[in-house]
Full PDB file with SEQRES, HELIX, SHEET, SSBOND, CRYST1, ORIGX, SCALE, CONECT and MASTER records, all heavy atoms in Angstrom:
SEQRES   1 A   39  SER SER ASP MET TYR VAL LEU ASN ALA TYR VAL ASN THR          
SEQRES   2 A   39  SER SER GLN VAL LYS MET MET SER LEU GLY LYS CYS LEU          
SEQRES   3 A   39  LEU ASP GLU VAL LEU PRO LEU ASN ILE GLY ASN TYR ASN          
HELIX    1 AA1 PRO A   32  ASN A   34  5                                   3    
SHEET    1 AA1 2 TYR A   5  VAL A  11  0                                        
SHEET    2 AA1 2 VAL A  17  LYS A  24 -1                                        
CRYST1    1.000    1.000    1.000  90.00  90.00  90.00 P 1           1          
ORIGX1      1.000000  0.000000  0.000000        0.00000                         
ORIGX2      0.000000  1.000000  0.000000        0.00000                         
ORIGX3      0.000000  0.000000  1.000000        0.00000                         
SCALE1      1.000000  0.000000  0.000000        0.00000                         
SCALE2      0.000000  1.000000  0.000000        0.00000                         
SCALE3      0.000000  0.000000  1.000000        0.00000                         
ATOM      1  N   SER A   1     -38.205 -68.641 -42.646  1.00  0.00           N  
ATOM      2  CA  SER A   1     -38.463 -67.219 -42.698  1.00  0.00           C  
ATOM      3  C   SER A   1     -38.038 -66.510 -41.395  1.00  0.00           C  
ATOM      4  O   SER A   1     -37.810 -65.250 -41.382  1.00  0.00           O  
ATOM      5  CB  SER A   1     -40.002 -66.991 -42.850  1.00  0.00           C  
ATOM      6  OG  SER A   1     -40.726 -67.496 -41.722  1.00  0.00           O  
ATOM      7  N   SER A   2     -37.710 -67.232 -40.355  1.00  0.00           N  
ATOM      8  CA  SER A   2     -37.267 -66.581 -39.134  1.00  0.00           C  
ATOM      9  C   SER A   2     -35.828 -66.047 -39.267  1.00  0.00           C  
ATOM     10  O   SER A   2     -35.427 -65.289 -38.436  1.00  0.00           O  
ATOM     11  CB  SER A   2     -37.339 -67.627 -37.986  1.00  0.00           C  
ATOM     12  OG  SER A   2     -36.445 -68.624 -38.177  1.00  0.00           O  
ATOM     13  N   ASP A   3     -35.172 -66.433 -40.362  1.00  0.00           N  
ATOM     14  CA  ASP A   3     -33.853 -65.912 -40.599  1.00  0.00           C  
ATOM     15  C   ASP A   3     -33.895 -64.750 -41.668  1.00  0.00           C  
ATOM     16  O   ASP A   3     -32.803 -64.232 -42.038  1.00  0.00           O  
ATOM     17  CB  ASP A   3     -32.932 -67.085 -41.151  1.00  0.00           C  
ATOM     18  CG  ASP A   3     -32.600 -68.103 -40.146  1.00  0.00           C  
ATOM     19  OD1 ASP A   3     -32.253 -67.759 -39.028  1.00  0.00           O  
ATOM     20  OD2 ASP A   3     -32.904 -69.261 -40.477  1.00  0.00           O  
ATOM     21  N   MET A   4     -35.146 -64.337 -41.974  1.00  0.00           N  
ATOM     22  CA  MET A   4     -35.298 -63.161 -42.910  1.00  0.00           C  
ATOM     23  C   MET A   4     -35.382 -61.866 -42.187  1.00  0.00           C  
ATOM     24  O   MET A   4     -35.991 -61.840 -41.065  1.00  0.00           O  
ATOM     25  CB  MET A   4     -36.558 -63.409 -43.778  1.00  0.00           C  
ATOM     26  CG  MET A   4     -36.406 -64.578 -44.761  1.00  0.00           C  
ATOM     27  SD  MET A   4     -35.242 -64.314 -46.034  1.00  0.00           S  
ATOM     28  CE  MET A   4     -35.769 -62.830 -46.842  1.00  0.00           C  
ATOM     29  N   TYR A   5     -34.840 -60.823 -42.861  1.00  0.00           N  
ATOM     30  CA  TYR A   5     -34.847 -59.517 -42.309  1.00  0.00           C  
ATOM     31  C   TYR A   5     -35.207 -58.476 -43.416  1.00  0.00           C  
ATOM     32  O   TYR A   5     -34.878 -58.801 -44.602  1.00  0.00           O  
ATOM     33  CB  TYR A   5     -33.548 -59.074 -41.682  1.00  0.00           C  
ATOM     34  CG  TYR A   5     -33.130 -59.957 -40.478  1.00  0.00           C  
ATOM     35  CD1 TYR A   5     -32.675 -61.285 -40.585  1.00  0.00           C  
ATOM     36  CD2 TYR A   5     -33.341 -59.392 -39.177  1.00  0.00           C  
ATOM     37  CE1 TYR A   5     -32.370 -62.020 -39.427  1.00  0.00           C  
ATOM     38  CE2 TYR A   5     -33.052 -60.094 -37.972  1.00  0.00           C  
ATOM     39  CZ  TYR A   5     -32.544 -61.415 -38.160  1.00  0.00           C  
ATOM     40  OH  TYR A   5     -32.273 -62.228 -37.111  1.00  0.00           O  
ATOM     41  N   VAL A   6     -35.746 -57.375 -43.002  1.00  0.00           N  
ATOM     42  CA  VAL A   6     -36.020 -56.345 -44.007  1.00  0.00           C  
ATOM     43  C   VAL A   6     -35.405 -55.093 -43.441  1.00  0.00           C  
ATOM     44  O   VAL A   6     -35.407 -54.789 -42.235  1.00  0.00           O  
ATOM     45  CB  VAL A   6     -37.586 -56.100 -44.264  1.00  0.00           C  
ATOM     46  CG1 VAL A   6     -38.312 -55.769 -42.870  1.00  0.00           C  
ATOM     47  CG2 VAL A   6     -37.838 -55.037 -45.265  1.00  0.00           C  
ATOM     48  N   LEU A   7     -34.803 -54.352 -44.355  1.00  0.00           N  
ATOM     49  CA  LEU A   7     -34.137 -53.101 -43.956  1.00  0.00           C  
ATOM     50  C   LEU A   7     -34.742 -51.968 -44.832  1.00  0.00           C  
ATOM     51  O   LEU A   7     -34.704 -52.033 -46.042  1.00  0.00           O  
ATOM     52  CB  LEU A   7     -32.623 -53.144 -44.173  1.00  0.00           C  
ATOM     53  CG  LEU A   7     -31.791 -51.878 -43.958  1.00  0.00           C  
ATOM     54  CD1 LEU A   7     -31.859 -51.403 -42.518  1.00  0.00           C  
ATOM     55  CD2 LEU A   7     -30.367 -52.094 -44.412  1.00  0.00           C  
ATOM     56  N   ASN A   8     -35.240 -50.963 -44.218  1.00  0.00           N  
ATOM     57  CA  ASN A   8     -35.730 -49.807 -44.890  1.00  0.00           C  
ATOM     58  C   ASN A   8     -34.898 -48.538 -44.492  1.00  0.00           C  
ATOM     59  O   ASN A   8     -34.463 -48.461 -43.323  1.00  0.00           O  
ATOM     60  CB  ASN A   8     -37.180 -49.440 -44.480  1.00  0.00           C  
ATOM     61  CG  ASN A   8     -38.150 -50.287 -45.393  1.00  0.00           C  
ATOM     62  OD1 ASN A   8     -38.630 -49.851 -46.384  1.00  0.00           O  
ATOM     63  ND2 ASN A   8     -38.537 -51.478 -44.858  1.00  0.00           N  
ATOM     64  N   ALA A   9     -34.663 -47.687 -45.471  1.00  0.00           N  
ATOM     65  CA  ALA A   9     -33.872 -46.486 -45.264  1.00  0.00           C  
ATOM     66  C   ALA A   9     -34.475 -45.329 -45.968  1.00  0.00           C  
ATOM     67  O   ALA A   9     -35.098 -45.480 -47.008  1.00  0.00           O  
ATOM     68  CB  ALA A   9     -32.402 -46.699 -45.632  1.00  0.00           C  
ATOM     69  N   TYR A  10     -34.230 -44.085 -45.419  1.00  0.00           N  
ATOM     70  CA  TYR A  10     -34.553 -42.909 -46.253  1.00  0.00           C  
ATOM     71  C   TYR A  10     -33.246 -42.076 -46.446  1.00  0.00           C  
ATOM     72  O   TYR A  10     -32.498 -41.804 -45.528  1.00  0.00           O  
ATOM     73  CB  TYR A  10     -35.577 -42.017 -45.560  1.00  0.00           C  
ATOM     74  CG  TYR A  10     -35.848 -40.785 -46.396  1.00  0.00           C  
ATOM     75  CD1 TYR A  10     -36.678 -40.962 -47.543  1.00  0.00           C  
ATOM     76  CD2 TYR A  10     -35.279 -39.559 -46.190  1.00  0.00           C  
ATOM     77  CE1 TYR A  10     -36.946 -39.837 -48.434  1.00  0.00           C  
ATOM     78  CE2 TYR A  10     -35.535 -38.487 -47.026  1.00  0.00           C  
ATOM     79  CZ  TYR A  10     -36.359 -38.598 -48.136  1.00  0.00           C  
ATOM     80  OH  TYR A  10     -36.573 -37.609 -48.968  1.00  0.00           O  
ATOM     81  N   VAL A  11     -32.999 -41.781 -47.702  1.00  0.00           N  
ATOM     82  CA  VAL A  11     -31.846 -40.970 -48.181  1.00  0.00           C  
ATOM     83  C   VAL A  11     -32.325 -39.667 -48.721  1.00  0.00           C  
ATOM     84  O   VAL A  11     -33.143 -39.710 -49.694  1.00  0.00           O  
ATOM     85  CB  VAL A  11     -31.029 -41.799 -49.202  1.00  0.00           C  
ATOM     86  CG1 VAL A  11     -29.659 -41.118 -49.352  1.00  0.00           C  
ATOM     87  CG2 VAL A  11     -30.842 -43.234 -48.726  1.00  0.00           C  
ATOM     88  N   ASN A  12     -31.856 -38.531 -48.225  1.00  0.00           N  
ATOM     89  CA  ASN A  12     -32.407 -37.271 -48.598  1.00  0.00           C  
ATOM     90  C   ASN A  12     -31.919 -36.820 -49.974  1.00  0.00           C  
ATOM     91  O   ASN A  12     -31.142 -37.559 -50.631  1.00  0.00           O  
ATOM     92  CB  ASN A  12     -32.200 -36.182 -47.543  1.00  0.00           C  
ATOM     93  CG  ASN A  12     -30.713 -35.721 -47.511  1.00  0.00           C  
ATOM     94  OD1 ASN A  12     -29.860 -36.114 -48.235  1.00  0.00           O  
ATOM     95  ND2 ASN A  12     -30.368 -34.997 -46.433  1.00  0.00           N  
ATOM     96  N   THR A  13     -32.350 -35.660 -50.425  1.00  0.00           N  
ATOM     97  CA  THR A  13     -31.939 -35.164 -51.841  1.00  0.00           C  
ATOM     98  C   THR A  13     -30.538 -34.887 -51.923  1.00  0.00           C  
ATOM     99  O   THR A  13     -30.006 -34.711 -53.081  1.00  0.00           O  
ATOM    100  CB  THR A  13     -32.829 -33.918 -52.120  1.00  0.00           C  
ATOM    101  OG1 THR A  13     -32.685 -32.924 -51.061  1.00  0.00           O  
ATOM    102  CG2 THR A  13     -34.315 -34.237 -52.239  1.00  0.00           C  
ATOM    103  N   SER A  14     -29.768 -34.813 -50.850  1.00  0.00           N  
ATOM    104  CA  SER A  14     -28.400 -34.649 -50.867  1.00  0.00           C  
ATOM    105  C   SER A  14     -27.604 -35.891 -50.805  1.00  0.00           C  
ATOM    106  O   SER A  14     -26.374 -35.965 -50.520  1.00  0.00           O  
ATOM    107  CB  SER A  14     -27.926 -33.634 -49.747  1.00  0.00           C  
ATOM    108  OG  SER A  14     -28.589 -32.402 -49.945  1.00  0.00           O  
ATOM    109  N   SER A  15     -28.337 -37.046 -50.809  1.00  0.00           N  
ATOM    110  CA  SER A  15     -27.782 -38.447 -50.692  1.00  0.00           C  
ATOM    111  C   SER A  15     -27.192 -38.732 -49.345  1.00  0.00           C  
ATOM    112  O   SER A  15     -26.162 -39.401 -49.312  1.00  0.00           O  
ATOM    113  CB  SER A  15     -26.746 -38.654 -51.817  1.00  0.00           C  
ATOM    114  OG  SER A  15     -27.384 -38.617 -53.112  1.00  0.00           O  
ATOM    115  N   GLN A  16     -27.807 -38.136 -48.328  1.00  0.00           N  
ATOM    116  CA  GLN A  16     -27.447 -38.466 -46.946  1.00  0.00           C  
ATOM    117  C   GLN A  16     -28.504 -39.276 -46.336  1.00  0.00           C  
ATOM    118  O   GLN A  16     -29.660 -38.966 -46.355  1.00  0.00           O  
ATOM    119  CB  GLN A  16     -27.268 -37.136 -46.195  1.00  0.00           C  
ATOM    120  CG  GLN A  16     -26.215 -36.220 -46.664  1.00  0.00           C  
ATOM    121  CD  GLN A  16     -26.206 -34.811 -45.953  1.00  0.00           C  
ATOM    122  OE1 GLN A  16     -27.324 -34.324 -45.654  1.00  0.00           O  
ATOM    123  NE2 GLN A  16     -25.076 -34.361 -45.739  1.00  0.00           N  
ATOM    124  N   VAL A  17     -28.056 -40.434 -45.745  1.00  0.00           N  
ATOM    125  CA  VAL A  17     -29.060 -41.308 -45.096  1.00  0.00           C  
ATOM    126  C   VAL A  17     -29.562 -40.636 -43.825  1.00  0.00           C  
ATOM    127  O   VAL A  17     -28.782 -40.139 -42.935  1.00  0.00           O  
ATOM    128  CB  VAL A  17     -28.412 -42.727 -44.770  1.00  0.00           C  
ATOM    129  CG1 VAL A  17     -29.324 -43.518 -43.959  1.00  0.00           C  
ATOM    130  CG2 VAL A  17     -27.941 -43.361 -45.976  1.00  0.00           C  
ATOM    131  N   LYS A  18     -30.871 -40.597 -43.683  1.00  0.00           N  
ATOM    132  CA  LYS A  18     -31.486 -39.935 -42.515  1.00  0.00           C  
ATOM    133  C   LYS A  18     -32.291 -40.823 -41.603  1.00  0.00           C  
ATOM    134  O   LYS A  18     -32.699 -40.476 -40.566  1.00  0.00           O  
ATOM    135  CB  LYS A  18     -32.387 -38.778 -42.975  1.00  0.00           C  
ATOM    136  CG  LYS A  18     -31.708 -37.618 -43.681  1.00  0.00           C  
ATOM    137  CD  LYS A  18     -30.669 -37.047 -42.634  1.00  0.00           C  
ATOM    138  CE  LYS A  18     -29.869 -35.883 -43.224  1.00  0.00           C  
ATOM    139  NZ  LYS A  18     -28.872 -35.312 -42.230  1.00  0.00           N  
ATOM    140  N   MET A  19     -32.482 -42.108 -42.006  1.00  0.00           N  
ATOM    141  CA  MET A  19     -33.235 -43.076 -41.267  1.00  0.00           C  
ATOM    142  C   MET A  19     -32.906 -44.496 -41.724  1.00  0.00           C  
ATOM    143  O   MET A  19     -32.831 -44.721 -42.884  1.00  0.00           O  
ATOM    144  CB  MET A  19     -34.792 -42.811 -41.378  1.00  0.00           C  
ATOM    145  CG  MET A  19     -35.624 -43.766 -40.523  1.00  0.00           C  
ATOM    146  SD  MET A  19     -36.045 -45.324 -41.332  1.00  0.00           S  
ATOM    147  CE  MET A  19     -37.011 -44.825 -42.698  1.00  0.00           C  
ATOM    148  N   MET A  20     -32.735 -45.333 -40.702  1.00  0.00           N  
ATOM    149  CA  MET A  20     -32.615 -46.803 -40.970  1.00  0.00           C  
ATOM    150  C   MET A  20     -33.322 -47.629 -39.963  1.00  0.00           C  
ATOM    151  O   MET A  20     -33.254 -47.307 -38.754  1.00  0.00           O  
ATOM    152  CB  MET A  20     -31.076 -47.198 -40.916  1.00  0.00           C  
ATOM    153  CG  MET A  20     -30.221 -46.387 -41.881  1.00  0.00           C  
ATOM    154  SD  MET A  20     -28.596 -47.093 -42.259  1.00  0.00           S  
ATOM    155  CE  MET A  20     -29.024 -48.173 -43.521  1.00  0.00           C  
ATOM    156  N   SER A  21     -34.133 -48.611 -40.441  1.00  0.00           N  
ATOM    157  CA  SER A  21     -34.896 -49.440 -39.572  1.00  0.00           C  
ATOM    158  C   SER A  21     -34.879 -50.893 -40.043  1.00  0.00           C  
ATOM    159  O   SER A  21     -35.217 -51.136 -41.156  1.00  0.00           O  
ATOM    160  CB  SER A  21     -36.393 -48.909 -39.529  1.00  0.00           C  
ATOM    161  OG  SER A  21     -37.171 -49.767 -38.826  1.00  0.00           O  
ATOM    162  N   LEU A  22     -34.446 -51.732 -39.134  1.00  0.00           N  
ATOM    163  CA  LEU A  22     -34.310 -53.138 -39.375  1.00  0.00           C  
ATOM    164  C   LEU A  22     -35.524 -53.861 -38.812  1.00  0.00           C  
ATOM    165  O   LEU A  22     -35.935 -53.586 -37.661  1.00  0.00           O  
ATOM    166  CB  LEU A  22     -33.000 -53.753 -38.852  1.00  0.00           C  
ATOM    167  CG  LEU A  22     -32.674 -55.170 -39.141  1.00  0.00           C  
ATOM    168  CD1 LEU A  22     -32.404 -55.403 -40.616  1.00  0.00           C  
ATOM    169  CD2 LEU A  22     -31.513 -55.669 -38.289  1.00  0.00           C  
ATOM    170  N   GLY A  23     -36.097 -54.829 -39.554  1.00  0.00           N  
ATOM    171  CA  GLY A  23     -37.218 -55.674 -39.057  1.00  0.00           C  
ATOM    172  C   GLY A  23     -36.796 -57.101 -39.194  1.00  0.00           C  
ATOM    173  O   GLY A  23     -36.389 -57.583 -40.243  1.00  0.00           O  
ATOM    174  N   LYS A  24     -37.151 -57.878 -38.185  1.00  0.00           N  
ATOM    175  CA  LYS A  24     -37.027 -59.350 -38.224  1.00  0.00           C  
ATOM    176  C   LYS A  24     -38.309 -60.032 -38.495  1.00  0.00           C  
ATOM    177  O   LYS A  24     -39.369 -59.649 -37.918  1.00  0.00           O  
ATOM    178  CB  LYS A  24     -36.432 -59.866 -36.838  1.00  0.00           C  
ATOM    179  CG  LYS A  24     -36.425 -61.401 -36.816  1.00  0.00           C  
ATOM    180  CD  LYS A  24     -35.867 -61.780 -35.400  1.00  0.00           C  
ATOM    181  CE  LYS A  24     -36.212 -63.275 -35.179  1.00  0.00           C  
ATOM    182  NZ  LYS A  24     -35.530 -64.233 -36.199  1.00  0.00           N  
ATOM    183  N   CYS A  25     -38.301 -60.881 -39.504  1.00  0.00           N  
ATOM    184  CA  CYS A  25     -39.499 -61.659 -39.833  1.00  0.00           C  
ATOM    185  C   CYS A  25     -39.888 -62.648 -38.761  1.00  0.00           C  
ATOM    186  O   CYS A  25     -39.088 -63.518 -38.404  1.00  0.00           O  
ATOM    187  CB  CYS A  25     -39.369 -62.298 -41.227  1.00  0.00           C  
ATOM    188  SG  CYS A  25     -40.832 -63.215 -41.694  1.00  0.00           S  
ATOM    189  N   LEU A  26     -41.074 -62.583 -38.199  1.00  0.00           N  
ATOM    190  CA  LEU A  26     -41.596 -63.646 -37.363  1.00  0.00           C  
ATOM    191  C   LEU A  26     -42.557 -64.522 -38.111  1.00  0.00           C  
ATOM    192  O   LEU A  26     -42.734 -65.716 -37.733  1.00  0.00           O  
ATOM    193  CB  LEU A  26     -42.410 -63.016 -36.183  1.00  0.00           C  
ATOM    194  CG  LEU A  26     -41.575 -62.142 -35.189  1.00  0.00           C  
ATOM    195  CD1 LEU A  26     -42.428 -61.557 -34.076  1.00  0.00           C  
ATOM    196  CD2 LEU A  26     -40.389 -62.999 -34.597  1.00  0.00           C  
ATOM    197  N   LEU A  27     -43.152 -64.081 -39.179  1.00  0.00           N  
ATOM    198  CA  LEU A  27     -44.099 -64.856 -39.997  1.00  0.00           C  
ATOM    199  C   LEU A  27     -44.100 -64.375 -41.449  1.00  0.00           C  
ATOM    200  O   LEU A  27     -44.353 -63.187 -41.598  1.00  0.00           O  
ATOM    201  CB  LEU A  27     -45.489 -64.879 -39.333  1.00  0.00           C  
ATOM    202  CG  LEU A  27     -46.407 -65.951 -39.740  1.00  0.00           C  
ATOM    203  CD1 LEU A  27     -45.951 -67.349 -39.277  1.00  0.00           C  
ATOM    204  CD2 LEU A  27     -47.845 -65.665 -39.310  1.00  0.00           C  
ATOM    205  N   ASP A  28     -43.993 -65.280 -42.344  1.00  0.00           N  
ATOM    206  CA  ASP A  28     -43.985 -64.830 -43.777  1.00  0.00           C  
ATOM    207  C   ASP A  28     -45.359 -65.332 -44.432  1.00  0.00           C  
ATOM    208  O   ASP A  28     -46.019 -66.167 -43.755  1.00  0.00           O  
ATOM    209  CB  ASP A  28     -42.804 -65.219 -44.565  1.00  0.00           C  
ATOM    210  CG  ASP A  28     -42.680 -66.772 -44.766  1.00  0.00           C  
ATOM    211  OD1 ASP A  28     -43.240 -67.471 -44.038  1.00  0.00           O  
ATOM    212  OD2 ASP A  28     -41.977 -67.226 -45.651  1.00  0.00           O  
ATOM    213  N   GLU A  29     -45.585 -64.878 -45.604  1.00  0.00           N  
ATOM    214  CA  GLU A  29     -46.822 -65.259 -46.279  1.00  0.00           C  
ATOM    215  C   GLU A  29     -46.678 -66.698 -46.794  1.00  0.00           C  
ATOM    216  O   GLU A  29     -45.651 -67.198 -47.206  1.00  0.00           O  
ATOM    217  CB  GLU A  29     -47.071 -64.359 -47.459  1.00  0.00           C  
ATOM    218  CG  GLU A  29     -48.322 -64.468 -48.259  1.00  0.00           C  
ATOM    219  CD  GLU A  29     -49.471 -64.426 -47.380  1.00  0.00           C  
ATOM    220  OE1 GLU A  29     -50.070 -63.240 -47.255  1.00  0.00           O  
ATOM    221  OE2 GLU A  29     -49.991 -65.422 -46.898  1.00  0.00           O  
ATOM    222  N   VAL A  30     -47.824 -67.416 -46.875  1.00  0.00           N  
ATOM    223  CA  VAL A  30     -47.796 -68.853 -47.310  1.00  0.00           C  
ATOM    224  C   VAL A  30     -48.574 -69.002 -48.602  1.00  0.00           C  
ATOM    225  O   VAL A  30     -48.493 -70.090 -49.218  1.00  0.00           O  
ATOM    226  CB  VAL A  30     -48.374 -69.784 -46.213  1.00  0.00           C  
ATOM    227  CG1 VAL A  30     -47.437 -69.835 -45.034  1.00  0.00           C  
ATOM    228  CG2 VAL A  30     -49.827 -69.410 -45.836  1.00  0.00           C  
ATOM    229  N   LEU A  31     -49.416 -68.023 -49.040  1.00  0.00           N  
ATOM    230  CA  LEU A  31     -50.165 -68.121 -50.288  1.00  0.00           C  
ATOM    231  C   LEU A  31     -49.093 -68.099 -51.477  1.00  0.00           C  
ATOM    232  O   LEU A  31     -48.210 -67.295 -51.421  1.00  0.00           O  
ATOM    233  CB  LEU A  31     -51.089 -66.924 -50.417  1.00  0.00           C  
ATOM    234  CG  LEU A  31     -52.293 -66.841 -49.528  1.00  0.00           C  
ATOM    235  CD1 LEU A  31     -53.032 -65.562 -49.723  1.00  0.00           C  
ATOM    236  CD2 LEU A  31     -53.180 -68.054 -49.782  1.00  0.00           C  
ATOM    237  N   PRO A  32     -49.220 -69.117 -52.300  1.00  0.00           N  
ATOM    238  CA  PRO A  32     -48.130 -69.252 -53.340  1.00  0.00           C  
ATOM    239  C   PRO A  32     -47.780 -68.028 -54.155  1.00  0.00           C  
ATOM    240  O   PRO A  32     -46.651 -67.806 -54.346  1.00  0.00           O  
ATOM    241  CB  PRO A  32     -48.862 -70.358 -54.265  1.00  0.00           C  
ATOM    242  CG  PRO A  32     -49.710 -71.201 -53.401  1.00  0.00           C  
ATOM    243  CD  PRO A  32     -50.239 -70.130 -52.383  1.00  0.00           C  
ATOM    244  N   LEU A  33     -48.827 -67.202 -54.549  1.00  0.00           N  
ATOM    245  CA  LEU A  33     -48.485 -66.012 -55.328  1.00  0.00           C  
ATOM    246  C   LEU A  33     -47.851 -64.931 -54.419  1.00  0.00           C  
ATOM    247  O   LEU A  33     -47.384 -63.883 -55.009  1.00  0.00           O  
ATOM    248  CB  LEU A  33     -49.735 -65.521 -56.047  1.00  0.00           C  
ATOM    249  CG  LEU A  33     -50.178 -66.345 -57.267  1.00  0.00           C  
ATOM    250  CD1 LEU A  33     -51.490 -65.818 -57.825  1.00  0.00           C  
ATOM    251  CD2 LEU A  33     -49.048 -66.382 -58.340  1.00  0.00           C  
ATOM    252  N   ASN A  34     -47.933 -65.046 -53.120  1.00  0.00           N  
ATOM    253  CA  ASN A  34     -47.402 -63.970 -52.300  1.00  0.00           C  
ATOM    254  C   ASN A  34     -46.163 -64.380 -51.522  1.00  0.00           C  
ATOM    255  O   ASN A  34     -45.860 -63.745 -50.546  1.00  0.00           O  
ATOM    256  CB  ASN A  34     -48.546 -63.416 -51.398  1.00  0.00           C  
ATOM    257  CG  ASN A  34     -49.660 -62.770 -52.154  1.00  0.00           C  
ATOM    258  OD1 ASN A  34     -49.376 -62.202 -53.185  1.00  0.00           O  
ATOM    259  ND2 ASN A  34     -50.896 -62.922 -51.721  1.00  0.00           N  
ATOM    260  N   ILE A  35     -45.602 -65.529 -51.794  1.00  0.00           N  
ATOM    261  CA  ILE A  35     -44.433 -65.973 -51.108  1.00  0.00           C  
ATOM    262  C   ILE A  35     -43.322 -64.904 -51.184  1.00  0.00           C  
ATOM    263  O   ILE A  35     -43.073 -64.385 -52.243  1.00  0.00           O  
ATOM    264  CB  ILE A  35     -43.873 -67.292 -51.791  1.00  0.00           C  
ATOM    265  CG1 ILE A  35     -44.879 -68.439 -51.560  1.00  0.00           C  
ATOM    266  CG2 ILE A  35     -42.551 -67.639 -51.164  1.00  0.00           C  
ATOM    267  CD1 ILE A  35     -45.119 -68.816 -50.189  1.00  0.00           C  
ATOM    268  N   GLY A  36     -42.773 -64.514 -50.078  1.00  0.00           N  
ATOM    269  CA  GLY A  36     -41.762 -63.553 -50.027  1.00  0.00           C  
ATOM    270  C   GLY A  36     -42.178 -62.253 -49.357  1.00  0.00           C  
ATOM    271  O   GLY A  36     -41.454 -61.378 -48.920  1.00  0.00           O  
ATOM    272  N   ASN A  37     -43.603 -62.147 -49.204  1.00  0.00           N  
ATOM    273  CA  ASN A  37     -44.140 -61.043 -48.356  1.00  0.00           C  
ATOM    274  C   ASN A  37     -44.051 -61.406 -46.888  1.00  0.00           C  
ATOM    275  O   ASN A  37     -44.149 -62.567 -46.499  1.00  0.00           O  
ATOM    276  CB  ASN A  37     -45.611 -60.729 -48.849  1.00  0.00           C  
ATOM    277  CG  ASN A  37     -45.644 -60.115 -50.184  1.00  0.00           C  
ATOM    278  OD1 ASN A  37     -44.737 -59.574 -50.722  1.00  0.00           O  
ATOM    279  ND2 ASN A  37     -46.765 -60.276 -50.795  1.00  0.00           N  
ATOM    280  N   TYR A  38     -44.038 -60.360 -46.053  1.00  0.00           N  
ATOM    281  CA  TYR A  38     -44.004 -60.583 -44.570  1.00  0.00           C  
ATOM    282  C   TYR A  38     -45.437 -60.278 -43.970  1.00  0.00           C  
ATOM    283  O   TYR A  38     -46.107 -59.439 -44.452  1.00  0.00           O  
ATOM    284  CB  TYR A  38     -43.028 -59.637 -44.023  1.00  0.00           C  
ATOM    285  CG  TYR A  38     -41.645 -59.660 -44.513  1.00  0.00           C  
ATOM    286  CD1 TYR A  38     -41.103 -58.616 -45.298  1.00  0.00           C  
ATOM    287  CD2 TYR A  38     -40.824 -60.837 -44.319  1.00  0.00           C  
ATOM    288  CE1 TYR A  38     -39.813 -58.682 -45.785  1.00  0.00           C  
ATOM    289  CE2 TYR A  38     -39.614 -60.905 -44.840  1.00  0.00           C  
ATOM    290  CZ  TYR A  38     -39.042 -59.836 -45.647  1.00  0.00           C  
ATOM    291  OH  TYR A  38     -37.782 -59.922 -46.121  1.00  0.00           O  
ATOM    292  N   ASN A  39     -45.690 -61.149 -42.947  1.00  0.00           N  
ATOM    293  CA  ASN A  39     -47.040 -60.943 -42.226  1.00  0.00           C  
ATOM    294  C   ASN A  39     -46.901 -60.604 -40.820  1.00  0.00           C  
ATOM    295  O   ASN A  39     -47.837 -60.278 -40.184  1.00  0.00           O  
ATOM    296  CB  ASN A  39     -47.933 -62.166 -42.493  1.00  0.00           C  
ATOM    297  CG  ASN A  39     -48.598 -62.118 -43.832  1.00  0.00           C  
ATOM    298  OD1 ASN A  39     -48.794 -61.046 -44.453  1.00  0.00           O  
ATOM    299  ND2 ASN A  39     -49.056 -63.213 -44.340  1.00  0.00           N  
TER     300      ASN A  39                                                      
MASTER        0    0    0    1    2    0    0    6  299    1    0    3          
END                                                                             
């Protein structure tokens, strides 16, 4: 999971990107039904 990243962006009503934020995973979920979530 230390090689996992999440990217969030906001694109306005004119389809112009106005925000981008990258996050690096330091710890992911270990509960079987929630694998893939970040903690």
